[in-house]
């Protein structure tokens, strides 16, 4: 996948996560207790997820830690939650284009 394709997927993932977050906000019950599952599911649905090798599994774990670090940084921006979420997903997805 080239850089343009990665950026396209990054933007789609960010938009899907933001829309999923907004869609789950008026709900109650389990959706209210765990609203982060909606954006997570959206990102997984938009991006390709394959855990067929140790390397890809390690990359997945590194991606989770990177996403957590980005999320902690986004909290410091004091943006609305949905904007923070979209920012983290966009940056994290864009970082996935890094060849290392």
PDB file of N, CA and C in Angstrom:
ATOM      1  N   UNK A   1       0.858  -1.168   0.000  1.00  0.00           N
ATOM      2  CA  UNK A   1       0.000   0.000   0.000  1.00  0.00           C
ATOM      3  C   UNK A   1       0.907   1.235   0.000  1.00  0.00           C
ATOM      4  N   UNK A   2       0.656   2.164  -0.911  1.00  0.00           N
ATOM      5  CA  UNK A   2       1.477   3.371  -0.967  1.00  0.00           C
ATOM      6  C   UNK A   2       0.971   4.421   0.022  1.00  0.00           C
ATOM      7  N   UNK A   3       1.720   5.517   0.121  1.00  0.00           N
ATOM      8  CA  UNK A   3       1.407   6.550   1.110  1.00  0.00           C
ATOM      9  C   UNK A   3       0.019   7.142   0.896  1.00  0.00           C
ATOM     10  N   UNK A   4      -0.342   7.394  -0.343  1.00  0.00           N
ATOM     11  CA  UNK A   4      -1.660   7.979  -0.629  1.00  0.00           C
ATOM     12  C   UNK A   4      -2.781   7.051  -0.166  1.00  0.00           C
ATOM     13  N   UNK A   5      -2.615   5.761  -0.394  1.00  0.00           N
ATOM     14  CA  UNK A   5      -3.618   4.795   0.035  1.00  0.00           C
ATOM     15  C   UNK A   5      -3.702   4.731   1.560  1.00  0.00           C
ATOM     16  N   UNK A   6      -2.529   4.792   2.233  1.00  0.00           N
ATOM     17  CA  UNK A   6      -2.523   4.788   3.694  1.00  0.00           C
ATOM     18  C   UNK A   6      -3.234   6.020   4.241  1.00  0.00           C
ATOM     19  N   UNK A   7      -2.975   7.157   3.647  1.00  0.00           N
ATOM     20  CA  UNK A   7      -3.634   8.381   4.112  1.00  0.00           C
ATOM     21  C   UNK A   7      -5.138   8.317   3.885  1.00  0.00           C
ATOM     22  N   UNK A   8      -5.543   7.739   2.772  1.00  0.00           N
ATOM     23  CA  UNK A   8      -6.967   7.578   2.473  1.00  0.00           C
ATOM     24  C   UNK A   8      -7.636   6.684   3.519  1.00  0.00           C
ATOM     25  N   UNK A   9      -6.998   5.567   3.840  1.00  0.00           N
ATOM     26  CA  UNK A   9      -7.537   4.666   4.862  1.00  0.00           C
ATOM     27  C   UNK A   9      -7.542   5.365   6.225  1.00  0.00           C
ATOM     28  N   UNK A  10      -6.490   6.164   6.504  1.00  0.00           N
ATOM     29  CA  UNK A  10      -6.416   6.889   7.779  1.00  0.00           C
ATOM     30  C   UNK A  10      -7.593   7.840   7.939  1.00  0.00           C
ATOM     31  N   UNK A  11      -7.886   8.570   6.896  1.00  0.00           N
ATOM     32  CA  UNK A  11      -9.003   9.512   6.954  1.00  0.00           C
ATOM     33  C   UNK A  11     -10.335   8.793   7.095  1.00  0.00           C
ATOM     34  N   UNK A  12     -10.492   7.695   6.368  1.00  0.00           N
ATOM     35  CA  UNK A  12     -11.722   6.916   6.479  1.00  0.00           C
ATOM     36  C   UNK A  12     -11.878   6.336   7.884  1.00  0.00           C
ATOM     37  N   UNK A  13     -10.784   5.847   8.459  1.00  0.00           N
ATOM     38  CA  UNK A  13     -10.839   5.285   9.812  1.00  0.00           C
ATOM     39  C   UNK A  13     -11.178   6.365  10.832  1.00  0.00           C
ATOM     40  N   UNK A  14     -10.580   7.543  10.672  1.00  0.00           N
ATOM     41  CA  UNK A  14     -10.863   8.644  11.598  1.00  0.00           C
ATOM     42  C   UNK A  14     -12.327   9.068  11.509  1.00  0.00           C
ATOM     43  N   UNK A  15     -12.834   9.186  10.305  1.00  0.00           N
ATOM     44  CA  UNK A  15     -14.230   9.567  10.118  1.00  0.00           C
ATOM     45  C   UNK A  15     -15.167   8.490  10.668  1.00  0.00           C
ATOM     46  N   UNK A  16     -14.859   7.232  10.393  1.00  0.00           N
ATOM     47  CA  UNK A  16     -15.696   6.139  10.896  1.00  0.00           C
ATOM     48  C   UNK A  16     -15.701   6.109  12.422  1.00  0.00           C
ATOM     49  N   UNK A  17     -14.546   6.313  13.042  1.00  0.00           N
ATOM     50  CA  UNK A  17     -14.473   6.307  14.505  1.00  0.00           C
ATOM     51  C   UNK A  17     -15.263   7.465  15.093  1.00  0.00           C
ATOM     52  N   UNK A  18     -15.124   8.641  14.508  1.00  0.00           N
ATOM     53  CA  UNK A  18     -15.844   9.815  15.005  1.00  0.00           C
ATOM     54  C   UNK A  18     -17.355   9.622  14.861  1.00  0.00           C
ATOM     55  N   UNK A  19     -17.799   9.120  13.715  1.00  0.00           N
ATOM     56  CA  UNK A  19     -19.231   8.890  13.512  1.00  0.00           C
ATOM     57  C   UNK A  19     -19.768   7.804  14.446  1.00  0.00           C
ATOM     58  N   UNK A  20     -18.975   6.760  14.672  1.00  0.00           N
ATOM     59  CA  UNK A  20     -19.402   5.700  15.594  1.00  0.00           C
ATOM     60  C   UNK A  20     -19.526   6.243  17.014  1.00  0.00           C
ATOM     61  N   UNK A  21     -18.582   7.105  17.403  1.00  0.00           N
ATOM     62  CA  UNK A  21     -18.636   7.714  18.742  1.00  0.00           C
ATOM     63  C   UNK A  21     -19.904   8.549  18.894  1.00  0.00           C
ATOM     64  N   UNK A  22     -20.195   9.353  17.881  1.00  0.00           N
ATOM     65  CA  UNK A  22     -21.400  10.188  17.937  1.00  0.00           C
ATOM     66  C   UNK A  22     -22.668   9.339  17.939  1.00  0.00           C
ATOM     67  N   UNK A  23     -22.654   8.244  17.193  1.00  0.00           N
ATOM     68  CA  UNK A  23     -23.840   7.388  17.104  1.00  0.00           C
ATOM     69  C   UNK A  23     -24.140   6.689  18.423  1.00  0.00           C
ATOM     70  N   UNK A  24     -23.119   6.369  19.205  1.00  0.00           N
ATOM     71  CA  UNK A  24     -23.333   5.618  20.443  1.00  0.00           C
ATOM     72  C   UNK A  24     -23.666   6.529  21.628  1.00  0.00           C
ATOM     73  N   UNK A  25     -23.421   7.817  21.525  1.00  0.00           N
ATOM     74  CA  UNK A  25     -23.626   8.721  22.656  1.00  0.00           C
ATOM     75  C   UNK A  25     -25.070   8.746  23.195  1.00  0.00           C
ATOM     76  N   UNK A  26     -26.096   8.758  22.340  1.00  0.00           N
ATOM     77  CA  UNK A  26     -27.453   8.812  22.901  1.00  0.00           C
ATOM     78  C   UNK A  26     -27.971   7.473  23.436  1.00  0.00           C
ATOM     79  N   UNK A  27     -27.183   6.419  23.335  1.00  0.00           N
ATOM     80  CA  UNK A  27     -27.629   5.100  23.775  1.00  0.00           C
ATOM     81  C   UNK A  27     -27.402   4.926  25.271  1.00  0.00           C
ATOM     82  N   UNK A  28     -27.965   3.906  25.836  1.00  0.00           N
ATOM     83  CA  UNK A  28     -27.829   3.634  27.259  1.00  0.00           C
ATOM     84  C   UNK A  28     -27.391   2.194  27.437  1.00  0.00           C
ATOM     85  N   UNK A  29     -27.297   1.772  28.677  1.00  0.00           N
ATOM     86  CA  UNK A  29     -26.916   0.393  28.970  1.00  0.00           C
ATOM     87  C   UNK A  29     -25.438   0.156  28.719  1.00  0.00           C
ATOM     88  N   UNK A  30     -25.138  -0.995  28.125  1.00  0.00           N
ATOM     89  CA  UNK A  30     -23.748  -1.367  27.874  1.00  0.00           C
ATOM     90  C   UNK A  30     -23.064  -0.351  26.958  1.00  0.00           C
ATOM     91  N   UNK A  31     -23.784   0.173  25.983  1.00  0.00           N
ATOM     92  CA  UNK A  31     -23.206   1.163  25.075  1.00  0.00           C
ATOM     93  C   UNK A  31     -22.775   2.411  25.833  1.00  0.00           C
ATOM     94  N   UNK A  32     -23.503   2.759  26.870  1.00  0.00           N
ATOM     95  CA  UNK A  32     -23.165   3.933  27.678  1.00  0.00           C
ATOM     96  C   UNK A  32     -21.967   3.657  28.579  1.00  0.00           C
ATOM     97  N   UNK A  33     -21.847   2.409  29.041  1.00  0.00           N
ATOM     98  CA  UNK A  33     -20.747   2.045  29.924  1.00  0.00           C
ATOM     99  C   UNK A  33     -19.433   1.852  29.168  1.00  0.00           C
ATOM    100  N   UNK A  34     -19.493   1.426  27.934  1.00  0.00           N
ATOM    101  CA  UNK A  34     -18.298   1.134  27.134  1.00  0.00           C
ATOM    102  C   UNK A  34     -18.399   1.794  25.755  1.00  0.00           C
ATOM    103  N   UNK A  35     -18.459   3.117  25.697  1.00  0.00           N
ATOM    104  CA  UNK A  35     -18.647   3.776  24.406  1.00  0.00           C
ATOM    105  C   UNK A  35     -17.452   3.654  23.462  1.00  0.00           C
ATOM    106  N   UNK A  36     -16.286   3.310  23.999  1.00  0.00           N
ATOM    107  CA  UNK A  36     -15.095   3.222  23.151  1.00  0.00           C
ATOM    108  C   UNK A  36     -15.115   2.005  22.231  1.00  0.00           C
ATOM    109  N   UNK A  37     -16.000   1.052  22.493  1.00  0.00           N
ATOM    110  CA  UNK A  37     -16.088  -0.101  21.600  1.00  0.00           C
ATOM    111  C   UNK A  37     -16.615   0.280  20.212  1.00  0.00           C
ATOM    112  N   UNK A  38     -17.457   1.281  20.145  1.00  0.00           N
ATOM    113  CA  UNK A  38     -18.008   1.688  18.842  1.00  0.00           C
ATOM    114  C   UNK A  38     -16.910   2.208  17.917  1.00  0.00           C
ATOM    115  N   UNK A  39     -16.063   3.171  18.354  1.00  0.00           N
ATOM    116  CA  UNK A  39     -14.994   3.610  17.464  1.00  0.00           C
ATOM    117  C   UNK A  39     -13.970   2.512  17.176  1.00  0.00           C
ATOM    118  N   UNK A  40     -13.707   1.662  18.166  1.00  0.00           N
ATOM    119  CA  UNK A  40     -12.768   0.563  17.945  1.00  0.00           C
ATOM    120  C   UNK A  40     -13.285  -0.364  16.853  1.00  0.00           C
ATOM    121  N   UNK A  41     -14.558  -0.710  16.940  1.00  0.00           N
ATOM    122  CA  UNK A  41     -15.150  -1.560  15.911  1.00  0.00           C
ATOM    123  C   UNK A  41     -15.135  -0.906  14.544  1.00  0.00           C
ATOM    124  N   UNK A  42     -15.364   0.400  14.512  1.00  0.00           N
ATOM    125  CA  UNK A  42     -15.345   1.116  13.237  1.00  0.00           C
ATOM    126  C   UNK A  42     -13.959   1.097  12.611  1.00  0.00           C
ATOM    127  N   UNK A  43     -12.938   1.320  13.437  1.00  0.00           N
ATOM    128  CA  UNK A  43     -11.565   1.308  12.915  1.00  0.00           C
ATOM    129  C   UNK A  43     -11.208  -0.084  12.408  1.00  0.00           C
ATOM    130  N   UNK A  44     -11.581  -1.104  13.154  1.00  0.00           N
ATOM    131  CA  UNK A  44     -11.289  -2.476  12.726  1.00  0.00           C
ATOM    132  C   UNK A  44     -12.021  -2.799  11.429  1.00  0.00           C
ATOM    133  N   UNK A  45     -13.249  -2.318  11.302  1.00  0.00           N
ATOM    134  CA  UNK A  45     -14.025  -2.593  10.089  1.00  0.00           C
ATOM    135  C   UNK A  45     -13.431  -1.888   8.871  1.00  0.00           C
ATOM    136  N   UNK A  46     -12.852  -0.715   9.077  1.00  0.00           N
ATOM    137  CA  UNK A  46     -12.323   0.059   7.954  1.00  0.00           C
ATOM    138  C   UNK A  46     -10.932  -0.407   7.558  1.00  0.00           C
ATOM    139  N   UNK A  47     -10.135  -0.804   8.523  1.00  0.00           N
ATOM    140  CA  UNK A  47      -8.763  -1.214   8.227  1.00  0.00           C
ATOM    141  C   UNK A  47      -8.673  -2.728   8.129  1.00  0.00           C
ATOM    142  N   UNK A  48      -7.610  -3.204   7.545  1.00  0.00           N
ATOM    143  CA  UNK A  48      -7.398  -4.636   7.397  1.00  0.00           C
ATOM    144  C   UNK A  48      -6.738  -5.165   8.656  1.00  0.00           C
ATOM    145  N   UNK A  49      -7.315  -6.206   9.234  1.00  0.00           N
ATOM    146  CA  UNK A  49      -6.759  -6.803  10.440  1.00  0.00           C
ATOM    147  C   UNK A  49      -6.404  -8.253  10.171  1.00  0.00           C
ATOM    148  N   UNK A  50      -5.115  -8.549  10.202  1.00  0.00           N
ATOM    149  CA  UNK A  50      -4.656  -9.911  10.015  1.00  0.00           C
ATOM    150  C   UNK A  50      -3.593 -10.181  11.068  1.00  0.00           C
ATOM    151  N   UNK A  51      -3.788 -11.214  11.849  1.00  0.00           N
ATOM    152  CA  UNK A  51      -2.802 -11.584  12.865  1.00  0.00           C
ATOM    153  C   UNK A  51      -2.229 -12.946  12.523  1.00  0.00           C
ATOM    154  N   UNK A  52      -1.701 -13.069  11.313  1.00  0.00           N
ATOM    155  CA  UNK A  52      -1.235 -14.361  10.834  1.00  0.00           C
ATOM    156  C   UNK A  52       0.198 -14.674  11.169  1.00  0.00           C
ATOM    157  N   UNK A  53       0.948 -13.722  11.691  1.00  0.00           N
ATOM    158  CA  UNK A  53       2.351 -13.986  11.987  1.00  0.00           C
ATOM    159  C   UNK A  53       2.763 -13.288  13.271  1.00  0.00           C
ATOM    160  N   UNK A  54       3.890 -13.684  13.802  1.00  0.00           N
ATOM    161  CA  UNK A  54       4.394 -13.074  15.020  1.00  0.00           C
ATOM    162  C   UNK A  54       4.708 -11.605  14.771  1.00  0.00           C
ATOM    163  N   UNK A  55       5.301 -11.317  13.618  1.00  0.00           N
ATOM    164  CA  UNK A  55       5.643  -9.932  13.285  1.00  0.00           C
ATOM    165  C   UNK A  55       4.394  -9.057  13.275  1.00  0.00           C
ATOM    166  N   UNK A  56       3.349  -9.516  12.625  1.00  0.00           N
ATOM    167  CA  UNK A  56       2.116  -8.738  12.563  1.00  0.00           C
ATOM    168  C   UNK A  56       1.484  -8.610  13.948  1.00  0.00           C
ATOM    169  N   UNK A  57       1.589  -9.639  14.769  1.00  0.00           N
ATOM    170  CA  UNK A  57       1.064  -9.566  16.131  1.00  0.00           C
ATOM    171  C   UNK A  57       1.819  -8.531  16.945  1.00  0.00           C
ATOM    172  N   UNK A  58       3.141  -8.520  16.816  1.00  0.00           N
ATOM    173  CA  UNK A  58       3.941  -7.522  17.524  1.00  0.00           C
ATOM    174  C   UNK A  58       3.632  -6.114  17.029  1.00  0.00           C
ATOM    175  N   UNK A  59       3.425  -5.985  15.733  1.00  0.00           N
ATOM    176  CA  UNK A  59       3.041  -4.686  15.184  1.00  0.00           C
ATOM    177  C   UNK A  59       1.701  -4.244  15.761  1.00  0.00           C
ATOM    178  N   UNK A  60       0.793  -5.185  15.933  1.00  0.00           N
ATOM    179  CA  UNK A  60      -0.507  -4.860  16.518  1.00  0.00           C
ATOM    180  C   UNK A  60      -0.383  -4.372  17.947  1.00  0.00           C
ATOM    181  N   UNK A  61       0.456  -5.048  18.727  1.00  0.00           N
ATOM    182  CA  UNK A  61       0.674  -4.631  20.113  1.00  0.00           C
ATOM    183  C   UNK A  61       1.321  -3.246  20.149  1.00  0.00           C
ATOM    184  N   UNK A  62       2.308  -3.026  19.295  1.00  0.00           N
ATOM    185  CA  UNK A  62       2.947  -1.711  19.220  1.00  0.00           C
ATOM    186  C   UNK A  62       1.937  -0.644  18.810  1.00  0.00           C
ATOM    187  N   UNK A  63       1.047  -0.985  17.902  1.00  0.00           N
ATOM    188  CA  UNK A  63       0.013  -0.037  17.468  1.00  0.00           C
ATOM    189  C   UNK A  63      -0.915   0.325  18.631  1.00  0.00           C
ATOM    190  N   UNK A  64      -1.248  -0.646  19.467  1.00  0.00           N
ATOM    191  CA  UNK A  64      -2.107  -0.372  20.626  1.00  0.00           C
ATOM    192  C   UNK A  64      -1.409   0.581  21.590  1.00  0.00           C
ATOM    193  N   UNK A  65      -0.124   0.316  21.868  1.00  0.00           N
ATOM    194  CA  UNK A  65       0.619   1.203  22.756  1.00  0.00           C
ATOM    195  C   UNK A  65       0.770   2.598  22.162  1.00  0.00           C
ATOM    196  N   UNK A  66       1.007   2.659  20.856  1.00  0.00           N
ATOM    197  CA  UNK A  66       1.121   3.959  20.190  1.00  0.00           C
ATOM    198  C   UNK A  66      -0.212   4.702  20.269  1.00  0.00           C
ATOM    199  N   UNK A  67      -1.305   3.995  20.026  1.00  0.00           N
ATOM    200  CA  UNK A  67      -2.626   4.611  20.124  1.00  0.00           C
ATOM    201  C   UNK A  67      -2.912   5.117  21.527  1.00  0.00           C
ATOM    202  N   UNK A  68      -2.508   4.350  22.528  1.00  0.00           N
ATOM    203  CA  UNK A  68      -2.708   4.780  23.913  1.00  0.00           C
ATOM    204  C   UNK A  68      -1.894   6.036  24.209  1.00  0.00           C
ATOM    205  N   UNK A  69      -0.655   6.076  23.722  1.00  0.00           N
ATOM    206  CA  UNK A  69       0.188   7.260  23.928  1.00  0.00           C
ATOM    207  C   UNK A  69      -0.400   8.475  23.217  1.00  0.00           C
ATOM    208  N   UNK A  70      -0.884   8.265  21.994  1.00  0.00           N
ATOM    209  CA  UNK A  70      -1.513   9.363  21.266  1.00  0.00           C
ATOM    210  C   UNK A  70      -2.771   9.842  21.992  1.00  0.00           C
ATOM    211  N   UNK A  71      -3.530   8.915  22.532  1.00  0.00           N
ATOM    212  CA  UNK A  71      -4.755   9.281  23.259  1.00  0.00           C
ATOM    213  C   UNK A  71      -4.425  10.098  24.503  1.00  0.00           C
ATOM    214  N   UNK A  72      -3.379   9.707  25.217  1.00  0.00           N
ATOM    215  CA  UNK A  72      -2.979  10.479  26.396  1.00  0.00           C
ATOM    216  C   UNK A  72      -2.564  11.889  25.996  1.00  0.00           C
ATOM    217  N   UNK A  73      -1.864  11.998  24.866  1.00  0.00           N
ATOM    218  CA  UNK A  73      -1.474  13.318  24.371  1.00  0.00           C
ATOM    219  C   UNK A  73      -2.672  14.136  23.922  1.00  0.00           C
ATOM    220  N   UNK A  74      -3.643  13.480  23.325  1.00  0.00           N
ATOM    221  CA  UNK A  74      -4.825  14.191  22.827  1.00  0.00           C
ATOM    222  C   UNK A  74      -5.645  14.776  23.961  1.00  0.00           C
ATOM    223  N   UNK A  75      -5.649  14.114  25.105  1.00  0.00           N
ATOM    224  CA  UNK A  75      -6.388  14.620  26.261  1.00  0.00           C
ATOM    225  C   UNK A  75      -5.856  15.998  26.660  1.00  0.00           C
ATOM    226  N   UNK A  76      -4.567  16.212  26.453  1.00  0.00           N
ATOM    227  CA  UNK A  76      -3.956  17.490  26.815  1.00  0.00           C
ATOM    228  C   UNK A  76      -4.386  18.635  25.897  1.00  0.00           C
ATOM    229  N   UNK A  77      -4.980  18.317  24.747  1.00  0.00           N
ATOM    230  CA  UNK A  77      -5.408  19.367  23.813  1.00  0.00           C
ATOM    231  C   UNK A  77      -6.692  20.046  24.267  1.00  0.00           C
ATOM    232  N   UNK A  78      -7.436  19.402  25.152  1.00  0.00           N
ATOM    233  CA  UNK A  78      -8.708  19.930  25.670  1.00  0.00           C
ATOM    234  C   UNK A  78      -9.723  20.190  24.552  1.00  0.00           C
ATOM    235  N   UNK A  79      -9.641  19.397  23.484  1.00  0.00           N
ATOM    236  CA  UNK A  79     -10.637  19.461  22.417  1.00  0.00           C
ATOM    237  C   UNK A  79     -11.861  18.661  22.855  1.00  0.00           C
ATOM    238  N   UNK A  80     -12.983  18.824  22.160  1.00  0.00           N
ATOM    239  CA  UNK A  80     -14.132  17.946  22.443  1.00  0.00           C
ATOM    240  C   UNK A  80     -13.720  16.478  22.220  1.00  0.00           C
ATOM    241  N   UNK A  81     -14.320  15.582  22.951  1.00  0.00           N
ATOM    242  CA  UNK A  81     -13.935  14.170  22.911  1.00  0.00           C
ATOM    243  C   UNK A  81     -13.940  13.605  21.496  1.00  0.00           C
ATOM    244  N   UNK A  82     -14.952  13.925  20.724  1.00  0.00           N
ATOM    245  CA  UNK A  82     -15.029  13.368  19.371  1.00  0.00           C
ATOM    246  C   UNK A  82     -13.884  13.898  18.502  1.00  0.00           C
ATOM    247  N   UNK A  83     -13.463  15.135  18.705  1.00  0.00           N
ATOM    248  CA  UNK A  83     -12.332  15.689  17.953  1.00  0.00           C
ATOM    249  C   UNK A  83     -11.028  15.019  18.389  1.00  0.00           C
ATOM    250  N   UNK A  84     -10.872  14.786  19.694  1.00  0.00           N
ATOM    251  CA  UNK A  84      -9.694  14.078  20.184  1.00  0.00           C
ATOM    252  C   UNK A  84      -9.627  12.684  19.579  1.00  0.00           C
ATOM    253  N   UNK A  85     -10.770  12.000  19.555  1.00  0.00           N
ATOM    254  CA  UNK A  85     -10.837  10.654  19.005  1.00  0.00           C
ATOM    255  C   UNK A  85     -10.432  10.639  17.533  1.00  0.00           C
ATOM    256  N   UNK A  86     -11.010  11.552  16.755  1.00  0.00           N
ATOM    257  CA  UNK A  86     -10.684  11.613  15.330  1.00  0.00           C
ATOM    258  C   UNK A  86      -9.205  11.940  15.129  1.00  0.00           C
ATOM    259  N   UNK A  87      -8.660  12.837  15.947  1.00  0.00           N
ATOM    260  CA  UNK A  87      -7.249  13.203  15.849  1.00  0.00           C
ATOM    261  C   UNK A  87      -6.353  11.999  16.128  1.00  0.00           C
ATOM    262  N   UNK A  88      -6.651  11.260  17.179  1.00  0.00           N
ATOM    263  CA  UNK A  88      -5.842  10.094  17.535  1.00  0.00           C
ATOM    264  C   UNK A  88      -5.904   9.040  16.439  1.00  0.00           C
ATOM    265  N   UNK A  89      -7.090   8.764  15.920  1.00  0.00           N
ATOM    266  CA  UNK A  89      -7.222   7.751  14.871  1.00  0.00           C
ATOM    267  C   UNK A  89      -6.503   8.201  13.597  1.00  0.00           C
ATOM    268  N   UNK A  90      -6.631   9.476  13.230  1.00  0.00           N
ATOM    269  CA  UNK A  90      -5.961   9.979  12.028  1.00  0.00           C
ATOM    270  C   UNK A  90      -4.446   9.883  12.180  1.00  0.00           C
ATOM    271  N   UNK A  91      -3.918  10.337  13.307  1.00  0.00           N
ATOM    272  CA  UNK A  91      -2.464  10.280  13.518  1.00  0.00           C
ATOM    273  C   UNK A  91      -1.970   8.838  13.601  1.00  0.00           C
ATOM    274  N   UNK A  92      -2.687   8.010  14.334  1.00  0.00           N
ATOM    275  CA  UNK A  92      -2.281   6.610  14.457  1.00  0.00           C
ATOM    276  C   UNK A  92      -2.324   5.872  13.135  1.00  0.00           C
ATOM    277  N   UNK A  93      -3.354   6.103  12.360  1.00  0.00           N
ATOM    278  CA  UNK A  93      -3.454   5.450  11.053  1.00  0.00           C
ATOM    279  C   UNK A  93      -2.376   5.962  10.103  1.00  0.00           C
ATOM    280  N   UNK A  94      -2.097   7.266  10.181  1.00  0.00           N
ATOM    281  CA  UNK A  94      -1.035   7.828   9.342  1.00  0.00           C
ATOM    282  C   UNK A  94       0.318   7.246   9.737  1.00  0.00           C
ATOM    283  N   UNK A  95       0.545   7.067  11.036  1.00  0.00           N
ATOM    284  CA  UNK A  95       1.810   6.458  11.482  1.00  0.00           C
ATOM    285  C   UNK A  95       1.967   5.042  10.971  1.00  0.00           C
ATOM    286  N   UNK A  96       0.859   4.374  10.717  1.00  0.00           N
ATOM    287  CA  UNK A  96       0.947   2.990  10.220  1.00  0.00           C
ATOM    288  C   UNK A  96       1.586   2.926   8.836  1.00  0.00           C
ATOM    289  N   UNK A  97       1.657   4.051   8.148  1.00  0.00           N
ATOM    290  CA  UNK A  97       2.301   4.093   6.829  1.00  0.00           C
ATOM    291  C   UNK A  97       3.824   4.124   6.937  1.00  0.00           C
ATOM    292  N   UNK A  98       4.334   4.363   8.142  1.00  0.00           N
ATOM    293  CA  UNK A  98       5.771   4.398   8.340  1.00  0.00           C
ATOM    294  C   UNK A  98       6.351   3.014   8.068  1.00  0.00           C
ATOM    295  N   UNK A  99       7.314   2.913   7.164  1.00  0.00           N
ATOM    296  CA  UNK A  99       7.795   1.588   6.753  1.00  0.00           C
ATOM    297  C   UNK A  99       8.451   0.766   7.856  1.00  0.00           C
ATOM    298  N   UNK A 100       8.911   1.363   8.926  1.00  0.00           N
ATOM    299  CA  UNK A 100       9.523   0.599  10.002  1.00  0.00           C
ATOM    300  C   UNK A 100       8.467  -0.071  10.825  1.00  0.00           C
TER     301      UNK A 100
END
